[in-house]
C-alpha atoms as a PDB file:
ATOM      1  CA  MET A   1      -0.242  -0.225   0.426  1.00  0.00           C
ATOM      2  CA  LYS A   2       2.724   2.278   0.903  1.00  0.00           C
ATOM      3  CA  LYS A   3       4.499   1.733  -2.254  1.00  0.00           C
ATOM      4  CA  ILE A   4       1.144   2.579  -4.491  1.00  0.00           C
ATOM      5  CA  LEU A   5       0.817   5.578  -2.471  1.00  0.00           C
ATOM      6  CA  ILE A   6       4.269   6.409  -3.026  1.00  0.00           C
ATOM      7  CA  ARG A   7       4.146   5.916  -6.977  1.00  0.00           C
ATOM      8  CA  LEU A   8       0.979   7.870  -6.862  1.00  0.00           C
ATOM      9  CA  GLY A   9       2.286  11.001  -5.382  1.00  0.00           C
ATOM     10  CA  ILE A  10       5.075  10.723  -7.822  1.00  0.00           C
ATOM     11  CA  THR A  11       2.636  10.317 -10.631  1.00  0.00           C
ATOM     12  CA  ILE A  12       0.092  13.247  -9.425  1.00  0.00           C
ATOM     13  CA  SER A  13       3.181  15.666  -8.501  1.00  0.00           C
ATOM     14  CA  ILE A  14       5.434  15.373 -11.453  1.00  0.00           C
ATOM     15  CA  PRO A  15       2.673  16.757 -13.824  1.00  0.00           C
ATOM     16  CA  MET A  16       1.926  19.769 -11.134  1.00  0.00           C
ATOM     17  CA  LEU A  17       5.882  20.051 -11.154  1.00  0.00           C
ATOM     18  CA  SER A  18       5.997  20.695 -14.909  1.00  0.00           C
ATOM     19  CA  LEU A  19       3.260  22.920 -14.696  1.00  0.00           C
ATOM     20  CA  ILE A  20       4.597  25.271 -11.756  1.00  0.00           C
ATOM     21  CA  ALA A  21       7.473  25.265 -13.761  1.00  0.00           C
ATOM     22  CA  PHE A  22       6.200  26.481 -17.267  1.00  0.00           C
ATOM     23  CA  ILE A  23       4.039  29.082 -15.023  1.00  0.00           C
ATOM     24  CA  LEU A  24       7.541  30.571 -13.657  1.00  0.00           C
ATOM     25  CA  PHE A  25       9.268  30.400 -15.947  1.00  0.00           C
ATOM     26  CA  PRO A  26       8.072  32.023 -19.618  1.00  0.00           C
ATOM     27  CA  GLY A  27      11.568  31.408 -20.955  1.00  0.00           C
ATOM     28  CA  LEU A  28      10.589  27.770 -21.797  1.00  0.00           C
ATOM     29  CA  SER A  29       7.735  28.481 -23.833  1.00  0.00           C
ATOM     30  CA  TYR A  30       9.129  31.418 -25.918  1.00  0.00           C
ATOM     31  CA  ALA A  31      12.348  31.569 -28.048  1.00  0.00           C
ATOM     32  CA  LYS A  32      13.213  35.085 -27.930  1.00  0.00           C
ATOM     33  CA  LYS A  33      13.692  37.892 -25.076  1.00  0.00           C
ATOM     34  CA  VAL A  34      14.473  41.320 -25.127  1.00  0.00           C
ATOM     35  CA  GLN A  35      15.342  43.077 -22.343  1.00  0.00           C
ATOM     36  CA  VAL A  36      14.144  46.980 -21.706  1.00  0.00           C
ATOM     37  CA  GLU A  37      14.796  48.010 -18.006  1.00  0.00           C
ATOM     38  CA  ASN A  38      13.565  45.665 -15.245  1.00  0.00           C
ATOM     39  CA  ILE A  39      11.104  44.160 -17.692  1.00  0.00           C
ATOM     40  CA  SER A  40      11.887  41.001 -20.153  1.00  0.00           C
ATOM     41  CA  ILE A  41       9.649  40.987 -23.304  1.00  0.00           C
ATOM     42  CA  HIS A  42       9.164  37.421 -24.368  1.00  0.00           C
ATOM     43  CA  TYR A  43       8.027  36.293 -27.709  1.00  0.00           C
ATOM     44  CA  ASN A  44       8.240  33.731 -30.405  1.00  0.00           C
ATOM     45  CA  THR A  45       8.239  35.067 -34.145  1.00  0.00           C
ATOM     46  CA  SER A  46       9.017  38.524 -34.560  1.00  0.00           C
ATOM     47  CA  LEU A  47       9.065  41.774 -32.484  1.00  0.00           C
ATOM     48  CA  ASP A  48       8.286  45.284 -34.382  1.00  0.00           C
ATOM     49  CA  VAL A  49      11.439  47.829 -33.740  1.00  0.00           C
ATOM     50  CA  GLU A  50       8.884  50.119 -32.257  1.00  0.00           C
ATOM     51  CA  ALA A  51       8.263  47.845 -29.190  1.00  0.00           C
ATOM     52  CA  THR A  52      10.793  49.289 -27.088  1.00  0.00           C
ATOM     53  CA  SER A  53      10.214  52.694 -27.354  1.00  0.00           C
ATOM     54  CA  LEU A  54       6.557  51.943 -26.483  1.00  0.00           C
ATOM     55  CA  LEU A  55       7.552  50.009 -23.515  1.00  0.00           C
ATOM     56  CA  HIS A  56       9.190  53.589 -22.275  1.00  0.00           C
ATOM     57  CA  GLU A  57       6.032  55.418 -22.784  1.00  0.00           C
ATOM     58  CA  SER A  58       4.538  52.340 -20.281  1.00  0.00           C
ATOM     59  CA  LEU A  59       6.977  52.670 -18.086  1.00  0.00           C
ATOM     60  CA  LYS A  60       6.804  56.577 -17.682  1.00  0.00           C
ATOM     61  CA  MET A  61       3.136  56.474 -16.436  1.00  0.00           C
ATOM     62  CA  ILE A  62       4.045  53.285 -14.210  1.00  0.00           C
ATOM     63  CA  LYS A  63       7.020  55.582 -12.732  1.00  0.00           C
ATOM     64  CA  LYS A  64       4.250  58.126 -11.873  1.00  0.00           C
ATOM     65  CA  SER A  65       2.970  55.575  -9.065  1.00  0.00           C
ATOM     66  CA  GLU A  66       4.287  55.474  -5.684  1.00  0.00           C
ATOM     67  CA  LEU A  67       4.359  51.673  -6.118  1.00  0.00           C
ATOM     68  CA  PHE A  68       7.437  51.391  -8.925  1.00  0.00           C
ATOM     69  CA  ASP A  69      10.280  49.915  -7.712  1.00  0.00           C
ATOM     70  CA  PRO A  70      13.146  49.155 -10.758  1.00  0.00           C
ATOM     71  CA  ASP A  71      14.684  46.258  -8.995  1.00  0.00           C
ATOM     72  CA  PHE A  72      11.303  44.599  -9.427  1.00  0.00           C
ATOM     73  CA  LYS A  73      11.892  42.006 -12.520  1.00  0.00           C
ATOM     74  CA  ILE A  74       8.461  41.620 -14.662  1.00  0.00           C
ATOM     75  CA  ASP A  75       8.133  39.045 -17.382  1.00  0.00           C
ATOM     76  CA  LEU A  76       5.805  40.344 -20.220  1.00  0.00           C
ATOM     77  CA  CYS A  77       4.273  37.700 -22.934  1.00  0.00           C
ATOM     78  CA  LEU A  78       3.144  37.991 -25.799  1.00  0.00           C
ATOM     79  CA  ASP A  79       0.251  36.351 -27.101  1.00  0.00           C
ATOM     80  CA  ASP A  80       2.378  35.054 -30.777  1.00  0.00           C
ATOM     81  CA  GLU A  81       1.712  31.012 -31.330  1.00  0.00           C
ATOM     82  CA  SER A  82       2.636  30.745 -27.434  1.00  0.00           C
ATOM     83  CA  ASN A  83       1.146  27.754 -25.339  1.00  0.00           C
ATOM     84  CA  TYR A  84       2.155  29.814 -22.258  1.00  0.00           C
ATOM     85  CA  ALA A  85      -0.795  32.449 -23.229  1.00  0.00           C
ATOM     86  CA  PHE A  86      -2.680  30.166 -24.030  1.00  0.00           C
ATOM     87  CA  LEU A  87      -2.905  28.288 -20.815  1.00  0.00           C
ATOM     88  CA  PHE A  88      -3.679  31.858 -19.422  1.00  0.00           C
ATOM     89  CA  ASP A  89      -6.866  32.197 -21.098  1.00  0.00           C
ATOM     90  CA  LYS A  90      -8.191  28.571 -20.232  1.00  0.00           C
ATOM     91  CA  LEU A  91      -6.943  29.288 -16.140  1.00  0.00           C
ATOM     92  CA  ARG A  92      -8.212  33.049 -15.797  1.00  0.00           C
ATOM     93  CA  GLY A  93     -11.035  33.263 -18.796  1.00  0.00           C
ATOM     94  CA  PRO A  94     -11.324  35.589 -21.695  1.00  0.00           C
ATOM     95  CA  ALA A  95      -9.439  38.918 -21.228  1.00  0.00           C
ATOM     96  CA  PHE A  96      -6.907  41.233 -23.110  1.00  0.00           C
ATOM     97  CA  GLY A  97      -3.940  41.295 -20.736  1.00  0.00           C
ATOM     98  CA  TYR A  98      -3.560  39.697 -17.578  1.00  0.00           C
ATOM     99  CA  GLY A  99      -0.909  40.810 -14.341  1.00  0.00           C
ATOM    100  CA  VAL A 100      -0.472  38.170 -12.038  1.00  0.00           C
ATOM    101  CA  GLY A 101       3.207  38.038  -9.762  1.00  0.00           C
ATOM    102  CA  ASN A 102       5.641  39.578 -11.793  1.00  0.00           C
ATOM    103  CA  LYS A 103       4.295  38.106 -15.303  1.00  0.00           C
ATOM    104  CA  VAL A 104       2.172  40.167 -17.816  1.00  0.00           C
ATOM    105  CA  ILE A 105       0.456  38.005 -20.230  1.00  0.00           C
ATOM    106  CA  LEU A 106      -1.095  39.456 -23.091  1.00  0.00           C
ATOM    107  CA  LYS A 107      -4.161  37.631 -24.756  1.00  0.00           C
ATOM    108  CA  CYS A 108      -4.819  39.861 -27.828  1.00  0.00           C
ATOM    109  CA  GLU A 109      -3.062  40.925 -31.221  1.00  0.00           C
ATOM    110  CA  ALA A 110      -0.205  43.659 -29.710  1.00  0.00           C
ATOM    111  CA  ASP A 111       0.188  46.010 -32.452  1.00  0.00           C
ATOM    112  CA  PHE A 112       2.921  48.453 -31.720  1.00  0.00           C
ATOM    113  CA  LYS A 113       3.080  50.193 -34.932  1.00  0.00           C
ATOM    114  CA  THR A 114      -0.050  51.820 -34.414  1.00  0.00           C
ATOM    115  CA  ASN A 115      -0.300  51.325 -30.739  1.00  0.00           C
ATOM    116  CA  LYS A 116      -3.255  49.439 -30.477  1.00  0.00           C
ATOM    117  CA  ALA A 117      -4.006  45.946 -28.561  1.00  0.00           C
ATOM    118  CA  ILE A 118      -6.699  44.561 -30.594  1.00  0.00           C
ATOM    119  CA  GLY A 119      -9.113  41.830 -29.756  1.00  0.00           C
ATOM    120  CA  TYR A 120     -12.642  40.971 -29.021  1.00  0.00           C
ATOM    121  CA  GLY A 121     -13.627  42.872 -32.022  1.00  0.00           C
ATOM    122  CA  GLN A 122     -12.268  46.308 -29.945  1.00  0.00           C
ATOM    123  CA  ALA A 123      -8.862  48.017 -29.716  1.00  0.00           C
ATOM    124  CA  TRP A 124      -7.176  49.100 -26.525  1.00  0.00           C
ATOM    125  CA  ASP A 125      -4.282  51.511 -26.164  1.00  0.00           C
ATOM    126  CA  LEU A 126      -1.636  49.239 -26.127  1.00  0.00           C
ATOM    127  CA  ALA A 127       0.675  51.163 -24.050  1.00  0.00           C
ATOM    128  CA  GLU A 128      -1.856  52.058 -21.513  1.00  0.00           C
ATOM    129  CA  LEU A 129      -2.543  48.378 -21.572  1.00  0.00           C
ATOM    130  CA  ILE A 130       0.629  47.503 -20.731  1.00  0.00           C
ATOM    131  CA  ALA A 131       1.042  49.873 -18.145  1.00  0.00           C
ATOM    132  CA  HIS A 132      -2.475  48.849 -16.643  1.00  0.00           C
ATOM    133  CA  GLU A 133      -1.392  45.199 -16.486  1.00  0.00           C
ATOM    134  CA  ILE A 134       2.440  46.144 -15.069  1.00  0.00           C
ATOM    135  CA  ILE A 135       0.664  48.233 -11.642  1.00  0.00           C
ATOM    136  CA  HIS A 136      -1.283  44.910 -11.205  1.00  0.00           C
ATOM    137  CA  THR A 137       2.139  43.472 -11.110  1.00  0.00           C
ATOM    138  CA  TYR A 138       3.241  45.976  -8.586  1.00  0.00           C
ATOM    139  CA  GLN A 139       0.437  45.778  -6.167  1.00  0.00           C
ATOM    140  CA  TYR A 140       1.168  41.718  -5.822  1.00  0.00           C
ATOM    141  CA  HIS A 141       4.499  42.717  -5.815  1.00  0.00           C
ATOM    142  CA  HIS A 142       3.890  45.040  -2.752  1.00  0.00           C
ATOM    143  CA  TYR A 143       0.735  43.460  -1.111  1.00  0.00           C
ATOM    144  CA  GLY A 144       0.839  39.881  -1.629  1.00  0.00           C
ATOM    145  CA  PHE A 145      -1.878  37.820  -0.883  1.00  0.00           C
ATOM    146  CA  ALA A 146      -4.087  40.116   0.563  1.00  0.00           C
ATOM    147  CA  THR A 147      -4.598  41.834  -3.056  1.00  0.00           C
ATOM    148  CA  LEU A 148      -6.570  38.698  -3.727  1.00  0.00           C
ATOM    149  CA  LYS A 149      -9.029  40.639  -0.542  1.00  0.00           C
ATOM    150  CA  THR A 150      -8.784  44.015  -1.902  1.00  0.00           C
ATOM    151  CA  PRO A 151     -11.546  45.051  -3.470  1.00  0.00           C
ATOM    152  CA  SER A 152     -11.789  45.062  -6.923  1.00  0.00           C
ATOM    153  CA  TRP A 153     -12.820  48.272  -7.561  1.00  0.00           C
ATOM    154  CA  LYS A 154      -9.257  49.938  -5.984  1.00  0.00           C
ATOM    155  CA  LEU A 155      -7.380  47.354  -7.785  1.00  0.00           C
ATOM    156  CA  GLU A 156      -8.566  48.341 -11.325  1.00  0.00           C
ATOM    157  CA  GLY A 157      -9.485  52.061 -10.680  1.00  0.00           C
ATOM    158  CA  TYR A 158      -5.954  52.381  -9.701  1.00  0.00           C
ATOM    159  CA  ALA A 159      -4.146  50.736 -12.949  1.00  0.00           C
ATOM    160  CA  GLU A 160      -6.261  52.844 -14.288  1.00  0.00           C
ATOM    161  CA  TYR A 161      -5.540  55.846 -12.395  1.00  0.00           C
ATOM    162  CA  ILE A 162      -1.999  55.599 -13.476  1.00  0.00           C
ATOM    163  CA  SER A 163      -2.148  54.099 -16.926  1.00  0.00           C
ATOM    164  CA  ARG A 164      -3.950  56.604 -18.394  1.00  0.00           C
ATOM    165  CA  SER A 165      -1.743  59.672 -16.491  1.00  0.00           C
ATOM    166  CA  GLU A 166      -0.762  60.528 -19.848  1.00  0.00           C
ATOM    167  CA  SER A 167      -4.169  60.515 -21.842  1.00  0.00           C
ATOM    168  CA  SER A 168      -6.655  62.959 -23.129  1.00  0.00           C
ATOM    169  CA  TYR A 169      -9.130  61.908 -20.004  1.00  0.00           C
ATOM    170  CA  SER A 170      -6.571  62.509 -17.213  1.00  0.00           C
ATOM    171  CA  GLU A 171      -8.151  65.080 -15.504  1.00  0.00           C
ATOM    172  CA  LEU A 172     -10.953  64.018 -13.018  1.00  0.00           C
ATOM    173  CA  ASN A 173     -13.417  66.834 -14.333  1.00  0.00           C
ATOM    174  CA  THR A 174     -12.931  65.260 -17.854  1.00  0.00           C
ATOM    175  CA  SER A 175     -13.332  61.734 -16.835  1.00  0.00           C
ATOM    176  CA  ILE A 176     -16.707  62.338 -14.505  1.00  0.00           C
ATOM    177  CA  ASP A 177     -17.998  64.207 -17.611  1.00  0.00           C
ATOM    178  CA  LEU A 178     -17.143  61.372 -19.875  1.00  0.00           C
ATOM    179  CA  LEU A 179     -18.702  58.941 -17.321  1.00  0.00           C
ATOM    180  CA  LEU A 180     -21.890  61.114 -16.774  1.00  0.00           C
ATOM    181  CA  SER A 181     -22.101  61.279 -20.781  1.00  0.00           C
ATOM    182  CA  GLU A 182     -22.192  57.235 -21.254  1.00  0.00           C
ATOM    183  CA  ARG A 183     -24.631  56.777 -18.365  1.00  0.00           C
ATOM    184  CA  GLU A 184     -26.788  59.336 -19.913  1.00  0.00           C
ATOM    185  CA  LYS A 185     -26.783  56.707 -22.920  1.00  0.00           C
ATOM    186  CA  VAL A 186     -26.841  53.081 -21.182  1.00  0.00           C
ATOM    187  CA  GLY A 187     -27.484  53.961 -18.259  1.00  0.00           C
ATOM    188  CA  GLU A 188     -25.577  51.784 -14.976  1.00  0.00           C
ATOM    189  CA  SER A 189     -24.745  49.023 -17.293  1.00  0.00           C
ATOM    190  CA  HIS A 190     -21.097  47.960 -16.061  1.00  0.00           C
ATOM    191  CA  TRP A 191     -19.877  46.465 -18.891  1.00  0.00           C
ATOM    192  CA  VAL A 192     -20.479  48.874 -21.903  1.00  0.00           C
ATOM    193  CA  TRP A 193     -17.583  49.873 -24.449  1.00  0.00           C
ATOM    194  CA  ILE A 194     -16.772  53.082 -24.444  1.00  0.00           C
ATOM    195  CA  LYS A 195     -14.978  53.536 -27.970  1.00  0.00           C
ATOM    196  CA  LEU A 196     -12.481  56.799 -27.887  1.00  0.00           C
ATOM    197  CA  ASP A 197     -12.067  58.987 -30.981  1.00  0.00           C
ATOM    198  CA  ASP A 198      -8.190  57.796 -31.844  1.00  0.00           C
ATOM    199  CA  GLY A 199     -10.501  54.100 -32.423  1.00  0.00           C
ATOM    200  CA  THR A 200      -9.404  52.908 -29.108  1.00  0.00           C
ATOM    201  CA  GLY A 201     -11.614  51.931 -25.626  1.00  0.00           C
ATOM    202  CA  PHE A 202     -12.063  50.582 -22.418  1.00  0.00           C
ATOM    203  CA  PRO A 203     -14.838  49.166 -20.585  1.00  0.00           C
ATOM    204  CA  SER A 204     -17.125  51.622 -18.866  1.00  0.00           C
ATOM    205  CA  GLN A 205     -16.090  50.080 -15.683  1.00  0.00           C
ATOM    206  CA  TYR A 206     -12.953  50.694 -15.587  1.00  0.00           C
ATOM    207  CA  LEU A 207     -13.868  54.106 -16.178  1.00  0.00           C
ATOM    208  CA  ALA A 208     -16.220  53.977 -13.121  1.00  0.00           C
ATOM    209  CA  ASP A 209     -13.140  52.765 -10.421  1.00  0.00           C
ATOM    210  CA  LYS A 210     -10.711  55.349 -11.853  1.00  0.00           C
ATOM    211  CA  VAL A 211     -13.045  58.388 -11.161  1.00  0.00           C
ATOM    212  CA  LEU A 212     -13.089  56.723  -7.522  1.00  0.00           C
ATOM    213  CA  VAL A 213      -9.279  55.951  -6.922  1.00  0.00           C
ATOM    214  CA  GLN A 214      -8.553  59.526  -8.822  1.00  0.00           C
ATOM    215  CA  TYR A 215     -11.055  61.584  -6.451  1.00  0.00           C
ATOM    216  CA  LEU A 216      -9.154  59.611  -3.550  1.00  0.00           C
ATOM    217  CA  ILE A 217      -5.840  60.187  -4.430  1.00  0.00           C
ATOM    218  CA  GLU A 218      -6.364  63.902  -5.688  1.00  0.00           C
ATOM    219  CA  ILE A 219      -9.093  65.459  -4.040  1.00  0.00           C
ATOM    220  CA  GLU A 220      -8.923  63.384  -0.538  1.00  0.00           C
ATOM    221  CA  GLU A 221      -5.145  63.009  -0.745  1.00  0.00           C
ATOM    222  CA  LEU A 222      -5.041  59.307  -0.367  1.00  0.00           C
ATOM    223  CA  ASN A 223      -2.023  57.360  -0.871  1.00  0.00           C
ATOM    224  CA  TYR A 224      -2.678  53.743  -2.306  1.00  0.00           C
ATOM    225  CA  ASN A 225      -2.122  52.368   0.607  1.00  0.00           C
ATOM    226  CA  GLN A 226      -4.775  54.270   2.182  1.00  0.00           C
ATOM    227  CA  ILE A 227      -7.013  53.591   0.135  1.00  0.00           C
ATOM    228  CA  SER A 228      -6.445  50.443   0.261  1.00  0.00           C
ATOM    229  CA  ASN A 229      -7.193  50.240   4.406  1.00  0.00           C
ATOM    230  CA  ASP A 230     -10.278  52.593   3.365  1.00  0.00           C
ATOM    231  CA  ARG A 231     -13.802  51.096   4.951  1.00  0.00           C
ATOM    232  CA  ARG A 232     -15.895  53.472   3.292  1.00  0.00           C
ATOM    233  CA  SER A 233     -17.973  51.666   0.830  1.00  0.00           C
ATOM    234  CA  ARG A 234     -17.905  52.309  -3.004  1.00  0.00           C
ATOM    235  CA  ALA A 235     -21.060  53.635  -3.054  1.00  0.00           C
ATOM    236  CA  SER A 236     -20.469  56.640  -0.472  1.00  0.00           C
ATOM    237  CA  ILE A 237     -17.654  57.185  -2.249  1.00  0.00           C
ATOM    238  CA  GLU A 238     -18.654  57.915  -5.668  1.00  0.00           C
ATOM    239  CA  ASP A 239     -21.694  60.149  -4.035  1.00  0.00           C
ATOM    240  CA  SER A 240     -18.292  62.298  -2.657  1.00  0.00           C
ATOM    241  CA  ALA A 241     -17.133  62.322  -6.290  1.00  0.00           C
ATOM    242  CA  LEU A 242     -19.876  63.010  -8.004  1.00  0.00           C
ATOM    243  CA  ASN A 243     -20.600  66.307  -4.700  1.00  0.00           C
ATOM    244  CA  TRP A 244     -17.494  67.654  -5.258  1.00  0.00           C
ATOM    245  CA  TYR A 245     -18.106  67.218  -9.213  1.00  0.00           C
ATOM    246  CA  HIS A 246     -21.525  69.366  -9.040  1.00  0.00           C
ATOM    247  CA  GLU A 247     -20.472  71.830  -6.295  1.00  0.00           C
ATOM    248  CA  LYS A 248     -17.335  72.172  -9.298  1.00  0.00           C
ATOM    249  CA  GLN A 249     -20.316  73.296 -11.701  1.00  0.00           C
ATOM    250  CA  LEU A 250     -21.518  76.069  -9.639  1.00  0.00           C
END
């Protein structure tokens, strides 16, 4: 019986260890790698020459974050005939990208020439998407498993706040204008795709999340750690943000 249990343990552990190694070491799944500061880009086919400059644009946004750590090593894994990206799609479900641990996995066509992440019939600003997902890795880096207990609006709102710091919707007033305009069109539906003038877009829920985090940072002057520990409900913070906005209009 003991021998049977040992063999069973070995039979189970070998595939599990192989899966863990596959996830932890993306270099096993990719043929090529390029280093840009603290980020390794993993790819299989070819990499546009614009990739390096675009990644520097993402880093320019990320460096504004209090969570930024230049010594934190990050793997950026592209979806170019990669089993690695395919695996995360199966494990996590459909998404433009994932930021987990120290890994950013894109599950979309990354067009570095036009700065577009293309998938699901839509386009996302690629530099902003990469910055968004990298911020998630920094959240895991600083808070570990506690990140899993943080409300998603704080995680996504902060990632959007940092990743859109260079966009035309970087100002709080402008973001609230857009949010209220979209709500007039579609009501309170959370996952409507907001399409911008440049042909890119993002989910309306992320805009709402960004507004709340931006209000807390810029108006209430909280840092990310304080936001993470804030006990107020999402609804009460949204009321405060909209009250501030309407008072500004008077």
